[in-house]
PDB file of N, CA and C in Angstrom:
ATOM      1  N   UNK A   1       0.796  -1.209   0.000  1.00  0.00           N
ATOM      2  CA  UNK A   1       0.000   0.000   0.000  1.00  0.00           C
ATOM      3  C   UNK A   1       0.842   1.280   0.000  1.00  0.00           C
ATOM      4  N   UNK A   2       2.011   1.308   0.709  1.00  0.00           N
ATOM      5  CA  UNK A   2       2.807   2.533   0.671  1.00  0.00           C
ATOM      6  C   UNK A   2       3.240   2.932  -0.740  1.00  0.00           C
ATOM      7  N   UNK A   3       3.434   1.956  -1.622  1.00  0.00           N
ATOM      8  CA  UNK A   3       3.828   2.288  -2.992  1.00  0.00           C
ATOM      9  C   UNK A   3       2.717   3.046  -3.710  1.00  0.00           C
ATOM     10  N   UNK A   4       1.462   2.729  -3.384  1.00  0.00           N
ATOM     11  CA  UNK A   4       0.327   3.432  -3.993  1.00  0.00           C
ATOM     12  C   UNK A   4       0.290   4.891  -3.551  1.00  0.00           C
ATOM     13  N   UNK A   5       0.586   5.131  -2.285  1.00  0.00           N
ATOM     14  CA  UNK A   5       0.624   6.505  -1.781  1.00  0.00           C
ATOM     15  C   UNK A   5       1.728   7.306  -2.448  1.00  0.00           C
ATOM     16  N   UNK A   6       2.868   6.676  -2.688  1.00  0.00           N
ATOM     17  CA  UNK A   6       3.965   7.368  -3.369  1.00  0.00           C
ATOM     18  C   UNK A   6       3.590   7.709  -4.805  1.00  0.00           C
ATOM     19  N   UNK A   7       2.928   6.789  -5.480  1.00  0.00           N
ATOM     20  CA  UNK A   7       2.498   7.049  -6.858  1.00  0.00           C
ATOM     21  C   UNK A   7       1.523   8.220  -6.895  1.00  0.00           C
ATOM     22  N   UNK A   8       0.638   8.291  -5.898  1.00  0.00           N
ATOM     23  CA  UNK A   8      -0.348   9.373  -5.837  1.00  0.00           C
ATOM     24  C   UNK A   8       0.263  10.680  -5.354  1.00  0.00           C
ATOM     25  N   UNK A   9       1.530  10.648  -4.928  1.00  0.00           N
ATOM     26  CA  UNK A   9       2.194  11.856  -4.469  1.00  0.00           C
ATOM     27  C   UNK A   9       1.845  12.217  -3.032  1.00  0.00           C
ATOM     28  N   UNK A  10       1.380  11.242  -2.275  1.00  0.00           N
ATOM     29  CA  UNK A  10       1.001  11.488  -0.891  1.00  0.00           C
ATOM     30  C   UNK A  10       2.122  11.029   0.030  1.00  0.00           C
ATOM     31  N   UNK A  11       2.568  11.906   0.879  1.00  0.00           N
ATOM     32  CA  UNK A  11       3.617  11.591   1.822  1.00  0.00           C
ATOM     33  C   UNK A  11       3.455  12.487   3.043  1.00  0.00           C
ATOM     34  N   UNK A  12       4.134  12.157   4.115  1.00  0.00           N
ATOM     35  CA  UNK A  12       4.077  12.960   5.332  1.00  0.00           C
ATOM     36  C   UNK A  12       3.367  12.215   6.444  1.00  0.00           C
ATOM     37  N   UNK A  13       3.147  12.943   7.533  1.00  0.00           N
ATOM     38  CA  UNK A  13       2.497  12.361   8.695  1.00  0.00           C
ATOM     39  C   UNK A  13       1.075  12.883   8.812  1.00  0.00           C
ATOM     40  N   UNK A  14       0.335  12.261   9.709  1.00  0.00           N
ATOM     41  CA  UNK A  14      -1.040  12.717   9.952  1.00  0.00           C
ATOM     42  C   UNK A  14      -1.018  14.151  10.482  1.00  0.00           C
ATOM     43  N   UNK A  15      -0.072  14.436  11.365  1.00  0.00           N
ATOM     44  CA  UNK A  15       0.031  15.791  11.937  1.00  0.00           C
ATOM     45  C   UNK A  15       0.292  16.832  10.837  1.00  0.00           C
ATOM     46  N   UNK A  16       1.177  16.501   9.909  1.00  0.00           N
ATOM     47  CA  UNK A  16       1.463  17.421   8.807  1.00  0.00           C
ATOM     48  C   UNK A  16       0.219  17.637   7.944  1.00  0.00           C
ATOM     49  N   UNK A  17      -0.513  16.557   7.688  1.00  0.00           N
ATOM     50  CA  UNK A  17      -1.726  16.666   6.890  1.00  0.00           C
ATOM     51  C   UNK A  17      -2.786  17.515   7.558  1.00  0.00           C
ATOM     52  N   UNK A  18      -2.950  17.341   8.874  1.00  0.00           N
ATOM     53  CA  UNK A  18      -3.928  18.149   9.608  1.00  0.00           C
ATOM     54  C   UNK A  18      -3.508  19.615   9.611  1.00  0.00           C
ATOM     55  N   UNK A  19      -2.208  19.868   9.755  1.00  0.00           N
ATOM     56  CA  UNK A  19      -1.721  21.251   9.696  1.00  0.00           C
ATOM     57  C   UNK A  19      -1.994  21.879   8.330  1.00  0.00           C
ATOM     58  N   UNK A  20      -1.816  21.113   7.265  1.00  0.00           N
ATOM     59  CA  UNK A  20      -2.095  21.630   5.922  1.00  0.00           C
ATOM     60  C   UNK A  20      -3.588  21.897   5.738  1.00  0.00           C
ATOM     61  N   UNK A  21      -4.426  21.028   6.280  1.00  0.00           N
ATOM     62  CA  UNK A  21      -5.873  21.274   6.217  1.00  0.00           C
ATOM     63  C   UNK A  21      -6.240  22.530   6.998  1.00  0.00           C
ATOM     64  N   UNK A  22      -5.585  22.739   8.131  1.00  0.00           N
ATOM     65  CA  UNK A  22      -5.818  23.958   8.910  1.00  0.00           C
ATOM     66  C   UNK A  22      -5.413  25.194   8.134  1.00  0.00           C
ATOM     67  N   UNK A  23      -4.277  25.126   7.454  1.00  0.00           N
ATOM     68  CA  UNK A  23      -3.841  26.251   6.622  1.00  0.00           C
ATOM     69  C   UNK A  23      -4.860  26.540   5.524  1.00  0.00           C
ATOM     70  N   UNK A  24      -5.371  25.477   4.904  1.00  0.00           N
ATOM     71  CA  UNK A  24      -6.384  25.647   3.860  1.00  0.00           C
ATOM     72  C   UNK A  24      -7.636  26.292   4.429  1.00  0.00           C
ATOM     73  N   UNK A  25      -8.088  25.807   5.575  1.00  0.00           N
ATOM     74  CA  UNK A  25      -9.287  26.355   6.201  1.00  0.00           C
ATOM     75  C   UNK A  25      -9.119  27.836   6.518  1.00  0.00           C
ATOM     76  N   UNK A  26      -8.000  28.194   7.137  1.00  0.00           N
ATOM     77  CA  UNK A  26      -7.790  29.594   7.507  1.00  0.00           C
ATOM     78  C   UNK A  26      -7.600  30.487   6.284  1.00  0.00           C
ATOM     79  N   UNK A  27      -6.972  29.979   5.243  1.00  0.00           N
ATOM     80  CA  UNK A  27      -6.783  30.804   4.049  1.00  0.00           C
ATOM     81  C   UNK A  27      -8.093  31.008   3.285  1.00  0.00           C
ATOM     82  N   UNK A  28      -9.017  30.052   3.369  1.00  0.00           N
ATOM     83  CA  UNK A  28     -10.310  30.248   2.707  1.00  0.00           C
ATOM     84  C   UNK A  28     -11.256  31.083   3.548  1.00  0.00           C
ATOM     85  N   UNK A  29     -10.870  31.390   4.793  1.00  0.00           N
ATOM     86  CA  UNK A  29     -11.697  32.243   5.652  1.00  0.00           C
ATOM     87  C   UNK A  29     -11.519  33.718   5.321  1.00  0.00           C
ATOM     88  N   UNK A  30     -10.470  34.046   4.603  1.00  0.00           N
ATOM     89  CA  UNK A  30     -10.203  35.431   4.229  1.00  0.00           C
ATOM     90  C   UNK A  30     -11.229  35.849   3.180  1.00  0.00           C
ATOM     91  N   UNK A  31     -11.935  36.965   3.423  1.00  0.00           N
ATOM     92  CA  UNK A  31     -12.999  37.372   2.477  1.00  0.00           C
ATOM     93  C   UNK A  31     -12.532  37.567   1.034  1.00  0.00           C
ATOM     94  N   UNK A  32     -11.291  37.991   0.827  1.00  0.00           N
ATOM     95  CA  UNK A  32     -10.812  38.241  -0.537  1.00  0.00           C
ATOM     96  C   UNK A  32     -10.219  37.002  -1.195  1.00  0.00           C
ATOM     97  N   UNK A  33     -10.261  35.863  -0.524  1.00  0.00           N
ATOM     98  CA  UNK A  33      -9.681  34.640  -1.071  1.00  0.00           C
ATOM     99  C   UNK A  33     -10.449  34.177  -2.313  1.00  0.00           C
ATOM    100  N   UNK A  34      -9.730  33.816  -3.382  1.00  0.00           N
ATOM    101  CA  UNK A  34     -10.422  33.303  -4.562  1.00  0.00           C
ATOM    102  C   UNK A  34     -11.034  31.923  -4.315  1.00  0.00           C
ATOM    103  N   UNK A  35     -10.648  31.290  -3.217  1.00  0.00           N
ATOM    104  CA  UNK A  35     -11.161  29.956  -2.883  1.00  0.00           C
ATOM    105  C   UNK A  35     -12.143  30.007  -1.720  1.00  0.00           C
ATOM    106  N   UNK A  36     -12.753  31.153  -1.500  1.00  0.00           N
ATOM    107  CA  UNK A  36     -13.714  31.337  -0.406  1.00  0.00           C
ATOM    108  C   UNK A  36     -14.841  30.309  -0.477  1.00  0.00           C
ATOM    109  N   UNK A  37     -15.217  29.903  -1.674  1.00  0.00           N
ATOM    110  CA  UNK A  37     -16.312  28.949  -1.846  1.00  0.00           C
ATOM    111  C   UNK A  37     -15.986  27.571  -1.253  1.00  0.00           C
ATOM    112  N   UNK A  38     -14.711  27.296  -0.978  1.00  0.00           N
ATOM    113  CA  UNK A  38     -14.311  26.012  -0.391  1.00  0.00           C
ATOM    114  C   UNK A  38     -14.285  26.037   1.137  1.00  0.00           C
ATOM    115  N   UNK A  39     -14.632  27.172   1.741  1.00  0.00           N
ATOM    116  CA  UNK A  39     -14.497  27.323   3.184  1.00  0.00           C
ATOM    117  C   UNK A  39     -15.308  26.301   3.971  1.00  0.00           C
ATOM    118  N   UNK A  40     -16.542  26.065   3.621  1.00  0.00           N
ATOM    119  CA  UNK A  40     -17.378  25.124   4.367  1.00  0.00           C
ATOM    120  C   UNK A  40     -16.810  23.714   4.303  1.00  0.00           C
ATOM    121  N   UNK A  41     -16.406  23.289   3.120  1.00  0.00           N
ATOM    122  CA  UNK A  41     -15.846  21.952   2.965  1.00  0.00           C
ATOM    123  C   UNK A  41     -14.512  21.826   3.700  1.00  0.00           C
ATOM    124  N   UNK A  42     -13.671  22.861   3.598  1.00  0.00           N
ATOM    125  CA  UNK A  42     -12.379  22.842   4.286  1.00  0.00           C
ATOM    126  C   UNK A  42     -12.580  22.782   5.802  1.00  0.00           C
ATOM    127  N   UNK A  43     -13.550  23.518   6.283  1.00  0.00           N
ATOM    128  CA  UNK A  43     -13.843  23.501   7.716  1.00  0.00           C
ATOM    129  C   UNK A  43     -14.288  22.112   8.167  1.00  0.00           C
ATOM    130  N   UNK A  44     -15.163  21.494   7.426  1.00  0.00           N
ATOM    131  CA  UNK A  44     -15.656  20.162   7.783  1.00  0.00           C
ATOM    132  C   UNK A  44     -14.520  19.142   7.809  1.00  0.00           C
ATOM    133  N   UNK A  45     -13.710  19.107   6.757  1.00  0.00           N
ATOM    134  CA  UNK A  45     -12.628  18.127   6.666  1.00  0.00           C
ATOM    135  C   UNK A  45     -11.590  18.384   7.752  1.00  0.00           C
ATOM    136  N   UNK A  46     -11.274  19.645   8.018  1.00  0.00           N
ATOM    137  CA  UNK A  46     -10.293  19.988   9.046  1.00  0.00           C
ATOM    138  C   UNK A  46     -10.768  19.541  10.427  1.00  0.00           C
ATOM    139  N   UNK A  47     -11.987  19.870  10.789  1.00  0.00           N
ATOM    140  CA  UNK A  47     -12.511  19.505  12.112  1.00  0.00           C
ATOM    141  C   UNK A  47     -12.655  17.988  12.234  1.00  0.00           C
ATOM    142  N   UNK A  48     -13.170  17.335  11.209  1.00  0.00           N
ATOM    143  CA  UNK A  48     -13.307  15.880  11.227  1.00  0.00           C
ATOM    144  C   UNK A  48     -11.945  15.211  11.409  1.00  0.00           C
ATOM    145  N   UNK A  49     -10.955  15.686  10.683  1.00  0.00           N
ATOM    146  CA  UNK A  49      -9.614  15.101  10.764  1.00  0.00           C
ATOM    147  C   UNK A  49      -9.005  15.306  12.136  1.00  0.00           C
ATOM    148  N   UNK A  50      -9.140  16.507  12.678  1.00  0.00           N
ATOM    149  CA  UNK A  50      -8.590  16.773  14.006  1.00  0.00           C
ATOM    150  C   UNK A  50      -9.250  15.881  15.049  1.00  0.00           C
ATOM    151  N   UNK A  51     -10.547  15.718  14.940  1.00  0.00           N
ATOM    152  CA  UNK A  51     -11.270  14.972  15.953  1.00  0.00           C
ATOM    153  C   UNK A  51     -10.979  13.469  15.884  1.00  0.00           C
ATOM    154  N   UNK A  52     -10.910  12.902  14.681  1.00  0.00           N
ATOM    155  CA  UNK A  52     -10.817  11.455  14.554  1.00  0.00           C
ATOM    156  C   UNK A  52      -9.417  10.913  14.252  1.00  0.00           C
ATOM    157  N   UNK A  53      -8.523  11.730  13.778  1.00  0.00           N
ATOM    158  CA  UNK A  53      -7.216  11.220  13.403  1.00  0.00           C
ATOM    159  C   UNK A  53      -6.089  11.609  14.346  1.00  0.00           C
ATOM    160  N   UNK A  54      -6.271  12.680  15.103  1.00  0.00           N
ATOM    161  CA  UNK A  54      -5.222  13.111  16.004  1.00  0.00           C
ATOM    162  C   UNK A  54      -5.241  12.287  17.283  1.00  0.00           C
ATOM    163  N   UNK A  55      -4.055  11.988  17.792  1.00  0.00           N
ATOM    164  CA  UNK A  55      -3.968  11.245  19.045  1.00  0.00           C
ATOM    165  C   UNK A  55      -4.455  12.126  20.185  1.00  0.00           C
ATOM    166  N   UNK A  56      -5.094  11.492  21.132  1.00  0.00           N
ATOM    167  CA  UNK A  56      -5.629  12.253  22.267  1.00  0.00           C
ATOM    168  C   UNK A  56      -4.647  12.290  23.400  1.00  0.00           C
TER     169      UNK A  56
END
């Protein structure tokens, strides 16, 4: 399975991925962002990931 992730260009840790989702969420919160329309989806994925994938 790791070879499939490499082919897809996916690498890093869960923490890094959650941080990137957080960056996406905060950048789409800016009113002048061209990706403002993705804010709701980014928020959902970010919160879901933090809640279910991060170690407690």
